[in-house]
N, C-alpha and C. Protein backbone atom coordinates (compact mmCIF):
# COMPACT_ATOMS: atom_id res chain seq x y z
N MET A 1 34.54 -16.85 -17.08
CA MET A 1 33.29 -15.99 -16.55
C MET A 1 32.32 -15.72 -15.69
N ILE A 2 32.26 -15.63 -14.62
CA ILE A 2 31.94 -14.84 -13.24
C ILE A 2 31.65 -13.73 -14.22
N LEU A 3 32.53 -13.19 -14.34
CA LEU A 3 32.35 -11.44 -15.05
C LEU A 3 31.21 -11.20 -15.72
N SER A 4 31.31 -11.92 -16.92
CA SER A 4 29.94 -12.10 -17.77
C SER A 4 28.32 -11.85 -17.68
N ARG A 5 28.13 -12.56 -15.58
CA ARG A 5 27.39 -13.16 -15.32
C ARG A 5 26.94 -11.13 -14.45
N TYR A 6 27.32 -10.67 -13.73
CA TYR A 6 27.74 -9.70 -13.01
C TYR A 6 27.55 -8.72 -14.03
N LEU A 7 28.05 -8.52 -15.59
CA LEU A 7 28.22 -7.52 -16.57
C LEU A 7 26.72 -8.25 -16.70
N PHE A 8 25.64 -9.42 -17.35
CA PHE A 8 24.45 -8.86 -17.43
C PHE A 8 23.65 -8.12 -16.64
N ILE A 9 24.46 -8.56 -14.73
CA ILE A 9 23.55 -7.65 -14.07
C ILE A 9 23.46 -6.62 -13.61
N GLY A 10 25.28 -5.60 -14.55
CA GLY A 10 24.67 -4.27 -14.82
C GLY A 10 24.63 -4.30 -15.41
N ILE A 11 24.15 -4.62 -16.72
CA ILE A 11 23.78 -3.89 -18.17
C ILE A 11 21.93 -4.21 -17.34
N LEU A 12 21.38 -4.68 -16.58
CA LEU A 12 20.03 -4.98 -16.20
C LEU A 12 20.30 -4.16 -15.57
N LEU A 13 20.67 -3.94 -14.35
CA LEU A 13 20.26 -1.89 -13.89
C LEU A 13 20.66 -1.21 -14.32
N LEU A 14 21.64 -0.71 -15.47
CA LEU A 14 21.42 0.33 -16.21
C LEU A 14 20.18 0.18 -16.69
N PHE A 15 19.64 -0.32 -17.60
CA PHE A 15 18.12 -0.79 -18.33
C PHE A 15 17.10 -0.42 -16.59
N ALA A 16 16.73 -1.34 -15.93
CA ALA A 16 16.61 -0.71 -14.75
C ALA A 16 15.71 0.68 -14.29
N VAL A 17 17.17 1.45 -14.17
CA VAL A 17 17.73 3.03 -13.65
C VAL A 17 17.07 3.93 -14.96
N GLY A 18 17.30 3.12 -16.07
CA GLY A 18 17.41 4.40 -16.96
C GLY A 18 15.44 4.05 -18.05
N PHE A 19 15.24 2.57 -17.30
CA PHE A 19 13.14 3.56 -17.16
C PHE A 19 12.46 4.23 -16.93
N ALA A 20 13.70 3.61 -15.88
CA ALA A 20 13.02 4.89 -14.34
C ALA A 20 12.70 7.14 -14.28
N ILE A 21 14.02 6.45 -15.13
CA ILE A 21 14.23 8.03 -15.31
C ILE A 21 14.17 8.69 -16.27
N ALA A 22 13.63 7.89 -17.20
CA ALA A 22 13.48 8.41 -18.67
C ALA A 22 11.84 9.24 -19.02
N PRO A 23 11.38 8.61 -18.00
CA PRO A 23 9.23 9.49 -17.85
C PRO A 23 9.82 10.82 -17.36
N LEU A 24 10.68 10.99 -16.10
CA LEU A 24 10.60 11.81 -15.97
C LEU A 24 11.67 12.73 -16.26
N ILE A 25 12.19 12.91 -17.98
CA ILE A 25 13.58 13.36 -19.00
C ILE A 25 12.70 13.87 -19.67
N LEU A 26 11.44 13.17 -19.60
CA LEU A 26 10.60 13.20 -21.48
C LEU A 26 9.92 14.22 -20.31
N VAL A 27 9.45 13.82 -19.63
CA VAL A 27 8.43 15.22 -19.14
C VAL A 27 9.29 16.61 -19.01
N ARG A 28 10.18 17.03 -18.24
CA ARG A 28 10.85 17.96 -18.15
C ARG A 28 11.15 19.02 -20.04
N LEU A 29 11.14 17.23 -20.44
CA LEU A 29 10.98 18.21 -22.18
C LEU A 29 9.87 19.12 -22.74
N VAL A 30 8.80 17.93 -22.21
CA VAL A 30 7.99 18.32 -23.42
C VAL A 30 7.34 19.54 -22.05
N ALA A 31 6.54 19.68 -21.47
CA ALA A 31 5.94 20.24 -21.01
C ALA A 31 5.87 21.07 -20.78
N PRO A 32 5.16 22.29 -20.64
CA PRO A 32 4.95 23.72 -20.25
C PRO A 32 6.31 24.09 -19.32
N ALA A 33 6.47 25.28 -20.00
CA ALA A 33 8.21 25.70 -19.01
C ALA A 33 6.55 26.46 -17.88
N ARG A 34 5.57 27.13 -17.84
CA ARG A 34 5.42 28.21 -17.38
C ARG A 34 3.97 27.78 -16.78
N ARG A 35 3.72 27.77 -16.01
CA ARG A 35 2.13 27.34 -15.09
C ARG A 35 1.24 28.82 -14.92
N GLY A 36 0.27 28.07 -15.16
CA GLY A 36 -1.36 28.98 -14.91
C GLY A 36 -1.42 29.32 -13.87
N SER A 37 -2.12 29.92 -13.27
CA SER A 37 -3.27 30.78 -11.49
C SER A 37 -3.60 29.28 -12.39
N PHE A 38 -4.03 29.11 -12.51
CA PHE A 38 -5.33 28.43 -13.64
C PHE A 38 -5.44 26.28 -13.00
N LYS A 39 -3.72 26.21 -13.45
CA LYS A 39 -3.00 25.15 -13.57
C LYS A 39 -3.10 24.80 -11.25
N GLN A 40 -2.93 25.92 -10.75
CA GLN A 40 -1.89 25.55 -9.16
C GLN A 40 -3.35 25.62 -8.56
N GLN A 41 -4.67 25.63 -9.02
CA GLN A 41 -5.61 25.51 -8.12
C GLN A 41 -6.25 24.04 -8.16
N THR A 42 -6.41 23.94 -6.93
CA THR A 42 -6.57 23.01 -6.62
C THR A 42 -8.13 21.88 -7.38
N TYR A 43 -7.46 21.14 -7.45
CA TYR A 43 -9.18 20.35 -7.97
C TYR A 43 -9.54 19.09 -7.46
N GLU A 44 -11.51 19.09 -6.83
CA GLU A 44 -11.66 18.02 -6.46
C GLU A 44 -12.96 17.61 -6.81
N CYS A 45 -12.59 16.33 -7.38
CA CYS A 45 -14.25 16.17 -7.72
C CYS A 45 -15.09 16.89 -8.36
N GLY A 46 -14.10 17.73 -9.42
CA GLY A 46 -15.05 18.96 -11.05
C GLY A 46 -15.99 19.80 -9.88
N VAL A 47 -15.78 19.52 -8.39
CA VAL A 47 -16.37 20.64 -7.95
C VAL A 47 -15.18 21.81 -7.57
N VAL A 48 -15.38 23.15 -7.36
CA VAL A 48 -14.99 24.84 -7.19
C VAL A 48 -14.36 24.60 -5.59
N THR A 49 -13.59 24.25 -5.09
CA THR A 49 -13.50 24.34 -3.94
C THR A 49 -13.94 25.68 -2.83
N THR A 50 -14.03 25.33 -2.02
CA THR A 50 -15.23 26.94 -1.03
C THR A 50 -14.66 26.83 0.02
N GLY A 51 -13.95 27.70 1.26
CA GLY A 51 -13.63 27.10 2.48
C GLY A 51 -12.06 27.24 1.86
N GLU A 52 -11.47 26.69 3.95
CA GLU A 52 -10.36 26.08 3.23
C GLU A 52 -10.41 25.10 2.80
N THR A 53 -8.98 23.88 2.51
CA THR A 53 -8.95 22.41 1.52
C THR A 53 -7.45 22.16 2.35
N TRP A 54 -7.20 22.79 3.46
CA TRP A 54 -6.56 21.94 3.98
C TRP A 54 -6.85 22.23 5.84
N VAL A 55 -7.90 20.46 6.09
CA VAL A 55 -8.68 20.41 7.01
C VAL A 55 -7.54 18.77 7.43
N ARG A 56 -7.92 19.25 8.52
CA ARG A 56 -7.32 17.75 9.41
C ARG A 56 -8.74 16.75 9.77
N PHE A 57 -8.13 15.95 9.59
CA PHE A 57 -9.29 14.63 9.42
C PHE A 57 -8.56 14.07 11.21
N ARG A 58 -9.70 13.20 11.81
CA ARG A 58 -8.90 12.46 13.31
C ARG A 58 -8.21 11.46 12.59
N ILE A 59 -7.32 10.86 13.80
CA ILE A 59 -6.96 10.42 13.99
C ILE A 59 -8.29 8.93 12.78
N GLN A 60 -8.62 8.84 13.75
CA GLN A 60 -9.88 7.89 13.49
C GLN A 60 -10.16 6.74 12.37
N TYR A 61 -10.05 7.58 11.05
CA TYR A 61 -10.24 7.04 10.01
C TYR A 61 -8.42 6.61 9.75
N TYR A 62 -8.00 7.37 9.47
CA TYR A 62 -6.63 6.29 10.17
C TYR A 62 -5.80 5.02 9.79
N LEU A 63 -6.92 4.65 11.30
CA LEU A 63 -6.68 3.95 11.89
C LEU A 63 -7.97 2.32 11.99
N PHE A 64 -9.10 3.32 11.69
CA PHE A 64 -9.89 2.43 10.83
C PHE A 64 -9.44 1.28 9.43
N ALA A 65 -8.80 2.88 8.40
CA ALA A 65 -8.43 2.03 6.79
C ALA A 65 -7.35 0.86 7.34
N LEU A 66 -6.42 1.35 9.00
CA LEU A 66 -4.99 0.68 8.69
C LEU A 66 -5.85 -0.84 9.46
N LEU A 67 -6.73 -0.89 10.80
CA LEU A 67 -7.15 -2.89 10.40
C LEU A 67 -7.77 -2.94 9.30
N PHE A 68 -8.37 -2.28 8.11
CA PHE A 68 -9.05 -2.48 7.39
C PHE A 68 -8.22 -3.38 6.59
N ILE A 69 -6.90 -2.97 6.85
CA ILE A 69 -6.11 -3.50 5.14
C ILE A 69 -5.08 -4.95 6.06
N VAL A 70 -5.26 -4.91 7.64
CA VAL A 70 -5.02 -5.35 8.31
C VAL A 70 -5.64 -7.02 8.23
N PHE A 71 -6.95 -6.57 7.98
CA PHE A 71 -8.07 -7.69 8.53
C PHE A 71 -8.03 -8.27 7.05
N ASP A 72 -7.64 -7.43 6.02
CA ASP A 72 -7.93 -8.01 4.41
C ASP A 72 -6.97 -8.80 4.60
N ILE A 73 -5.85 -8.39 4.66
CA ILE A 73 -4.88 -9.21 4.43
C ILE A 73 -4.47 -10.62 5.08
N GLU A 74 -5.33 -11.02 5.88
CA GLU A 74 -5.53 -12.48 6.35
C GLU A 74 -6.62 -12.69 5.81
N THR A 75 -7.68 -12.00 4.69
CA THR A 75 -7.55 -12.81 4.49
C THR A 75 -6.82 -13.73 2.97
N VAL A 76 -5.99 -12.87 2.28
CA VAL A 76 -4.74 -13.38 1.16
C VAL A 76 -3.95 -14.37 2.13
N PHE A 77 -3.86 -14.21 3.03
CA PHE A 77 -3.08 -16.17 4.15
C PHE A 77 -3.48 -16.97 3.69
N LEU A 78 -5.36 -16.32 4.51
CA LEU A 78 -6.36 -17.16 5.28
C LEU A 78 -6.62 -18.35 3.43
N TYR A 79 -7.36 -17.69 2.58
CA TYR A 79 -7.99 -18.40 1.45
C TYR A 79 -6.56 -19.79 0.60
N PRO A 80 -5.58 -19.33 0.48
CA PRO A 80 -4.46 -20.41 -0.68
C PRO A 80 -4.70 -21.91 0.72
N TRP A 81 -4.02 -21.32 2.23
CA TRP A 81 -3.98 -22.06 3.17
C TRP A 81 -5.33 -23.19 3.36
N ALA A 82 -7.32 -22.26 2.82
CA ALA A 82 -8.32 -22.77 3.29
C ALA A 82 -8.34 -24.18 1.73
N ALA A 83 -8.01 -23.93 0.68
CA ALA A 83 -7.52 -24.54 -0.69
C ALA A 83 -6.66 -26.01 -0.09
N SER A 84 -5.46 -25.30 0.43
CA SER A 84 -4.77 -26.90 0.11
C SER A 84 -5.06 -27.72 1.19
N TYR A 85 -5.62 -27.50 1.95
CA TYR A 85 -5.44 -27.63 4.29
C TYR A 85 -5.88 -29.32 3.82
N LEU A 86 -6.04 -29.35 3.10
CA LEU A 86 -6.02 -31.83 3.08
C LEU A 86 -4.24 -31.86 3.07
N ASN A 87 -3.94 -31.14 2.21
CA ASN A 87 -2.28 -31.04 2.01
C ASN A 87 -1.23 -31.11 3.34
N LEU A 88 -1.26 -30.09 4.08
CA LEU A 88 -0.39 -29.34 4.58
C LEU A 88 -0.38 -29.86 5.52
N GLY A 89 -1.88 -31.14 6.38
CA GLY A 89 -0.43 -31.36 7.80
C GLY A 89 -1.48 -30.19 9.24
N TRP A 90 -1.14 -31.43 10.21
CA TRP A 90 -1.06 -30.70 11.41
C TRP A 90 -0.79 -30.15 11.87
N PHE A 91 0.67 -29.59 11.02
CA PHE A 91 2.08 -27.95 11.80
C PHE A 91 1.03 -26.99 10.67
N ALA A 92 0.26 -27.26 9.82
CA ALA A 92 0.18 -25.95 8.88
C ALA A 92 -1.88 -25.72 9.51
N LEU A 93 -2.16 -26.38 10.28
CA LEU A 93 -3.12 -26.19 11.27
C LEU A 93 -2.83 -25.26 12.83
N ILE A 94 -2.16 -25.74 13.27
CA ILE A 94 -1.20 -25.06 14.65
C ILE A 94 -0.89 -23.91 13.97
N GLU A 95 0.00 -23.83 13.23
CA GLU A 95 -0.19 -22.59 12.45
C GLU A 95 -0.38 -21.33 12.66
N MET A 96 -2.30 -21.91 11.49
CA MET A 96 -3.16 -20.58 11.68
C MET A 96 -3.85 -20.59 12.15
N VAL A 97 -4.09 -21.20 13.70
CA VAL A 97 -4.66 -21.10 15.11
C VAL A 97 -4.54 -20.21 15.57
N VAL A 98 -3.09 -20.05 16.01
CA VAL A 98 -1.45 -19.06 16.44
C VAL A 98 -1.75 -17.81 15.63
N PHE A 99 -1.44 -17.55 14.13
CA PHE A 99 -2.17 -16.93 13.47
C PHE A 99 -2.94 -16.05 13.62
N LEU A 100 -4.38 -16.56 13.85
CA LEU A 100 -5.56 -16.90 13.82
C LEU A 100 -6.05 -15.24 15.67
N ALA A 101 -5.09 -16.08 16.21
CA ALA A 101 -4.84 -15.72 17.67
C ALA A 101 -4.70 -14.24 17.69
N LEU A 102 -3.57 -14.30 17.64
CA LEU A 102 -2.24 -12.93 16.70
C LEU A 102 -3.38 -11.99 16.31
N LEU A 103 -4.52 -12.25 15.64
CA LEU A 103 -5.43 -11.03 14.83
C LEU A 103 -6.49 -11.06 15.68
N ALA A 104 -6.88 -12.42 16.82
CA ALA A 104 -7.38 -11.46 17.84
C ALA A 104 -8.00 -10.96 19.05
N VAL A 105 -5.99 -11.17 19.13
CA VAL A 105 -5.47 -10.19 19.89
C VAL A 105 -5.69 -9.15 19.22
N GLY A 106 -5.11 -8.60 18.30
CA GLY A 106 -5.03 -7.75 17.84
C GLY A 106 -6.66 -6.67 17.33
N LEU A 107 -7.53 -7.18 17.65
CA LEU A 107 -8.15 -7.07 17.25
C LEU A 107 -9.03 -6.58 18.47
N ALA A 108 -8.51 -7.10 19.50
CA ALA A 108 -9.85 -7.19 20.91
C ALA A 108 -8.79 -5.70 21.26
N TYR A 109 -7.82 -5.41 21.37
CA TYR A 109 -6.33 -3.98 21.47
C TYR A 109 -7.25 -3.29 21.16
N ALA A 110 -8.15 -3.25 19.96
CA ALA A 110 -8.52 -2.62 19.04
C ALA A 110 -9.62 -2.04 19.67
N TRP A 111 -10.14 -3.10 19.89
CA TRP A 111 -11.38 -2.36 20.45
C TRP A 111 -11.65 -2.02 21.69
N ALA A 112 -10.43 -2.96 22.66
CA ALA A 112 -10.77 -1.88 24.18
C ALA A 112 -9.95 -0.57 23.46
N ARG A 113 -9.09 -0.25 23.15
CA ARG A 113 -8.65 1.08 23.07
C ARG A 113 -9.41 2.38 22.71
N GLY A 114 -10.89 1.74 21.65
CA GLY A 114 -12.03 2.73 20.92
C GLY A 114 -12.26 2.75 19.13
N ALA A 115 -10.65 2.16 18.93
CA ALA A 115 -10.32 3.09 17.34
C ALA A 115 -11.49 2.22 16.05
N LEU A 116 -12.86 1.12 17.02
CA LEU A 116 -13.47 0.69 16.48
C LEU A 116 -15.20 1.05 15.97
N ARG A 117 -14.73 2.68 17.24
CA ARG A 117 -15.26 3.27 17.42
C ARG A 117 -15.77 4.60 16.86
N TRP A 118 -17.01 4.63 15.17
CA TRP A 118 -16.96 5.67 13.78
C TRP A 118 -17.71 7.06 14.44
N LEU A 119 -16.81 7.17 14.53
CA LEU A 119 -17.59 9.27 15.49
C LEU A 119 -18.05 10.45 13.92
């Protein structure tokens, strides 16, 4: 009986790996073997690139995006909590206050370090 459970998991694992590898093998078989110079060109929004294509971006853009993601995730946690607040009780309220306090400390730290200044 226990062997049949492991057999099912093994078959499921084989299907999962096969499902992931099959498109790679199919592309290798169907794709053209030679790539032309036109295919190797950089394509950006339909406009032919001029100048250097590898431009260094300021780290501030990435920090700003990371902060946006963090506070976006906050709303993912905050909305369901607010929707069922009446059923959760005091412990959930304290947990949410601690969560929001941690986010406020993170925001104050990012603000003090100048991560929110857009140049």
